[in-house]
């Protein structure tokens, strides 16, 4: 999936990935996509909930296995 901007939140745990996402999304223009990379499994529930609350669109969530564990990539489209 194409992202206009990327945010690395590896090593951060709830609520930091959401707080950092909230700050970063403000830098984007409407319609742009933000890729958030996290190793916090909580992002699977937290990011869709945050998108629903803020009105941004959750485009998808990918999971990858790395040498250090699972990596999650959430894709959020700025809508307002």
N, C-alpha and C. Protein backbone atom coordinates (compact mmCIF):
# COMPACT_ATOMS: atom_id res chain seq x y z
N UNK A 1 0.85 -1.18 0.00
CA UNK A 1 0.00 0.00 0.00
C UNK A 1 0.90 1.24 0.00
N UNK A 2 0.52 2.23 -0.78
CA UNK A 2 1.30 3.46 -0.88
C UNK A 2 0.99 4.39 0.29
N UNK A 3 2.04 4.95 0.87
CA UNK A 3 1.87 5.92 1.96
C UNK A 3 2.59 7.21 1.57
N UNK A 4 1.96 8.33 1.87
CA UNK A 4 2.58 9.63 1.61
C UNK A 4 3.56 10.02 2.71
N UNK A 5 3.36 9.46 3.90
CA UNK A 5 4.25 9.72 5.04
C UNK A 5 4.32 8.48 5.90
N UNK A 6 5.41 8.35 6.64
CA UNK A 6 5.59 7.19 7.51
C UNK A 6 5.92 7.65 8.92
N UNK A 7 5.43 6.86 9.88
CA UNK A 7 5.68 7.14 11.29
C UNK A 7 6.13 5.84 11.95
N UNK A 8 7.33 5.87 12.51
CA UNK A 8 7.91 4.71 13.19
C UNK A 8 7.64 4.83 14.68
N UNK A 9 6.83 3.92 15.23
CA UNK A 9 6.56 3.93 16.67
C UNK A 9 7.08 2.65 17.33
N UNK A 10 8.06 2.02 16.69
CA UNK A 10 8.64 0.80 17.25
C UNK A 10 9.22 1.08 18.63
N UNK A 11 8.93 0.21 19.58
CA UNK A 11 9.43 0.37 20.94
C UNK A 11 8.51 1.18 21.84
N UNK A 12 7.47 1.77 21.25
CA UNK A 12 6.49 2.53 22.04
C UNK A 12 5.25 1.68 22.28
N UNK A 13 4.66 1.83 23.43
CA UNK A 13 3.46 1.07 23.75
C UNK A 13 2.33 2.02 24.12
N UNK A 14 1.13 1.51 24.10
CA UNK A 14 -0.08 2.27 24.36
C UNK A 14 0.11 3.20 25.55
N UNK A 15 -0.24 4.47 25.39
CA UNK A 15 -0.96 5.09 24.28
C UNK A 15 -0.06 5.83 23.29
N UNK A 16 1.26 5.69 23.39
CA UNK A 16 2.17 6.49 22.58
C UNK A 16 1.98 6.36 21.06
N UNK A 17 1.78 5.17 20.48
CA UNK A 17 1.58 5.13 19.03
C UNK A 17 0.38 5.99 18.57
N UNK A 18 -0.67 6.02 19.36
CA UNK A 18 -1.85 6.83 19.01
C UNK A 18 -1.55 8.31 19.19
N UNK A 19 -0.88 8.67 20.25
CA UNK A 19 -0.52 10.08 20.49
C UNK A 19 0.38 10.59 19.36
N UNK A 20 1.37 9.80 18.98
CA UNK A 20 2.28 10.20 17.91
C UNK A 20 1.56 10.26 16.56
N UNK A 21 0.63 9.34 16.33
CA UNK A 21 -0.16 9.36 15.10
C UNK A 21 -1.01 10.62 15.03
N UNK A 22 -1.62 10.99 16.15
CA UNK A 22 -2.45 12.18 16.21
C UNK A 22 -1.66 13.43 15.85
N UNK A 23 -0.43 13.51 16.31
CA UNK A 23 0.43 14.66 15.99
C UNK A 23 0.85 14.65 14.52
N UNK A 24 1.25 13.48 14.03
CA UNK A 24 1.77 13.36 12.67
C UNK A 24 0.70 13.60 11.62
N UNK A 25 -0.52 13.14 11.86
CA UNK A 25 -1.58 13.26 10.85
C UNK A 25 -1.91 14.73 10.59
N UNK A 26 -1.66 15.59 11.56
CA UNK A 26 -1.91 17.03 11.40
C UNK A 26 -0.99 17.65 10.36
N UNK A 27 0.14 17.02 10.08
CA UNK A 27 1.10 17.53 9.10
C UNK A 27 0.70 17.19 7.67
N UNK A 28 -0.24 16.26 7.50
CA UNK A 28 -0.63 15.79 6.18
C UNK A 28 -1.78 16.62 5.60
N UNK A 29 -1.89 16.58 4.29
CA UNK A 29 -3.02 17.21 3.61
C UNK A 29 -4.17 16.21 3.55
N UNK A 30 -5.37 16.72 3.42
CA UNK A 30 -6.54 15.84 3.30
C UNK A 30 -6.34 14.91 2.10
N UNK A 31 -6.61 13.62 2.31
CA UNK A 31 -6.46 12.63 1.25
C UNK A 31 -5.14 11.89 1.29
N UNK A 32 -4.16 12.41 2.02
CA UNK A 32 -2.88 11.72 2.11
C UNK A 32 -2.98 10.54 3.07
N UNK A 33 -2.06 9.58 2.88
CA UNK A 33 -2.07 8.35 3.67
C UNK A 33 -0.82 8.30 4.55
N UNK A 34 -1.05 7.95 5.81
CA UNK A 34 0.02 7.79 6.79
C UNK A 34 0.20 6.30 7.10
N UNK A 35 1.44 5.84 7.04
CA UNK A 35 1.78 4.48 7.44
C UNK A 35 2.40 4.54 8.84
N UNK A 36 1.79 3.84 9.78
CA UNK A 36 2.29 3.80 11.16
C UNK A 36 2.83 2.39 11.42
N UNK A 37 4.12 2.31 11.74
CA UNK A 37 4.77 1.03 12.04
C UNK A 37 4.89 0.89 13.55
N UNK A 38 4.45 -0.26 14.07
CA UNK A 38 4.46 -0.49 15.51
C UNK A 38 4.76 -1.95 15.83
N UNK A 39 5.31 -2.18 17.02
CA UNK A 39 5.47 -3.55 17.49
C UNK A 39 4.56 -3.82 18.69
N UNK A 40 3.64 -2.89 18.92
CA UNK A 40 2.65 -3.02 20.00
C UNK A 40 1.39 -3.66 19.43
N UNK A 41 1.08 -4.88 19.87
CA UNK A 41 -0.09 -5.59 19.35
C UNK A 41 -1.38 -4.82 19.60
N UNK A 42 -1.39 -3.95 20.59
CA UNK A 42 -2.57 -3.14 20.90
C UNK A 42 -3.02 -2.26 19.75
N UNK A 43 -2.12 -2.00 18.80
CA UNK A 43 -2.46 -1.14 17.67
C UNK A 43 -3.59 -1.75 16.84
N UNK A 44 -3.73 -3.08 16.89
CA UNK A 44 -4.78 -3.73 16.11
C UNK A 44 -6.18 -3.29 16.54
N UNK A 45 -6.34 -2.97 17.81
CA UNK A 45 -7.63 -2.48 18.32
C UNK A 45 -7.63 -0.96 18.45
N UNK A 46 -6.50 -0.41 18.89
CA UNK A 46 -6.43 1.02 19.18
C UNK A 46 -6.56 1.89 17.94
N UNK A 47 -5.89 1.51 16.85
CA UNK A 47 -5.90 2.37 15.65
C UNK A 47 -7.28 2.44 15.01
N UNK A 48 -8.00 1.31 14.81
CA UNK A 48 -9.36 1.43 14.27
C UNK A 48 -10.27 2.26 15.18
N UNK A 49 -10.12 2.11 16.48
CA UNK A 49 -10.94 2.88 17.42
C UNK A 49 -10.62 4.37 17.31
N UNK A 50 -9.33 4.70 17.19
CA UNK A 50 -8.92 6.10 17.06
C UNK A 50 -9.47 6.69 15.76
N UNK A 51 -9.40 5.92 14.68
CA UNK A 51 -9.92 6.40 13.39
C UNK A 51 -11.42 6.65 13.47
N UNK A 52 -12.13 5.76 14.12
CA UNK A 52 -13.58 5.93 14.26
C UNK A 52 -13.89 7.19 15.08
N UNK A 53 -13.12 7.43 16.12
CA UNK A 53 -13.34 8.59 16.98
C UNK A 53 -13.00 9.89 16.28
N UNK A 54 -11.92 9.89 15.49
CA UNK A 54 -11.45 11.14 14.86
C UNK A 54 -12.01 11.38 13.47
N UNK A 55 -12.58 10.34 12.86
CA UNK A 55 -13.15 10.50 11.54
C UNK A 55 -12.19 10.21 10.40
N UNK A 56 -10.95 9.82 10.71
CA UNK A 56 -10.02 9.45 9.65
C UNK A 56 -10.33 8.02 9.20
N UNK A 57 -9.87 7.68 8.00
CA UNK A 57 -10.22 6.38 7.43
C UNK A 57 -9.09 5.37 7.60
N UNK A 58 -9.41 4.25 8.23
CA UNK A 58 -8.45 3.15 8.38
C UNK A 58 -8.48 2.34 7.10
N UNK A 59 -7.39 2.35 6.35
CA UNK A 59 -7.34 1.66 5.07
C UNK A 59 -6.93 0.20 5.20
N UNK A 60 -6.20 -0.11 6.25
CA UNK A 60 -5.77 -1.49 6.41
C UNK A 60 -4.70 -1.64 7.47
N UNK A 61 -4.44 -2.89 7.82
CA UNK A 61 -3.42 -3.22 8.79
C UNK A 61 -2.69 -4.47 8.30
N UNK A 62 -1.37 -4.37 8.20
CA UNK A 62 -0.56 -5.50 7.77
C UNK A 62 0.26 -5.99 8.95
N UNK A 63 0.47 -7.30 9.01
CA UNK A 63 1.32 -7.90 10.04
C UNK A 63 2.49 -8.59 9.36
N UNK A 64 3.68 -8.40 9.92
CA UNK A 64 4.88 -9.05 9.40
C UNK A 64 5.63 -9.68 10.56
N UNK A 65 6.35 -10.72 10.27
CA UNK A 65 7.20 -11.34 11.29
C UNK A 65 8.63 -10.87 11.03
N UNK A 66 9.27 -10.32 12.05
CA UNK A 66 10.66 -9.90 11.93
C UNK A 66 11.50 -10.72 12.90
N UNK A 67 12.78 -10.52 12.86
CA UNK A 67 13.69 -11.25 13.75
C UNK A 67 13.40 -10.92 15.22
N UNK A 68 12.89 -9.72 15.46
CA UNK A 68 12.63 -9.29 16.84
C UNK A 68 11.17 -9.48 17.28
N UNK A 69 10.33 -9.98 16.39
CA UNK A 69 8.93 -10.19 16.74
C UNK A 69 7.99 -9.70 15.65
N UNK A 70 6.73 -9.52 16.01
CA UNK A 70 5.74 -9.07 15.05
C UNK A 70 5.79 -7.56 14.87
N UNK A 71 5.62 -7.15 13.61
CA UNK A 71 5.57 -5.75 13.25
C UNK A 71 4.21 -5.49 12.60
N UNK A 72 3.58 -4.41 12.98
CA UNK A 72 2.27 -4.03 12.46
C UNK A 72 2.40 -2.73 11.69
N UNK A 73 1.74 -2.67 10.53
CA UNK A 73 1.72 -1.44 9.74
C UNK A 73 0.27 -1.06 9.51
N UNK A 74 -0.09 0.08 10.06
CA UNK A 74 -1.46 0.59 9.90
C UNK A 74 -1.43 1.71 8.87
N UNK A 75 -2.45 1.75 8.03
CA UNK A 75 -2.56 2.78 7.00
C UNK A 75 -3.80 3.61 7.26
N UNK A 76 -3.58 4.92 7.43
CA UNK A 76 -4.67 5.84 7.78
C UNK A 76 -4.73 6.95 6.74
N UNK A 77 -5.93 7.18 6.22
CA UNK A 77 -6.14 8.27 5.26
C UNK A 77 -6.72 9.47 6.01
N UNK A 78 -6.07 10.61 5.85
CA UNK A 78 -6.56 11.83 6.49
C UNK A 78 -7.81 12.29 5.75
N UNK A 79 -8.89 12.50 6.48
CA UNK A 79 -10.17 12.86 5.85
C UNK A 79 -10.63 14.26 6.19
N UNK A 80 -10.01 14.90 7.19
CA UNK A 80 -10.45 16.26 7.52
C UNK A 80 -9.31 17.07 8.09
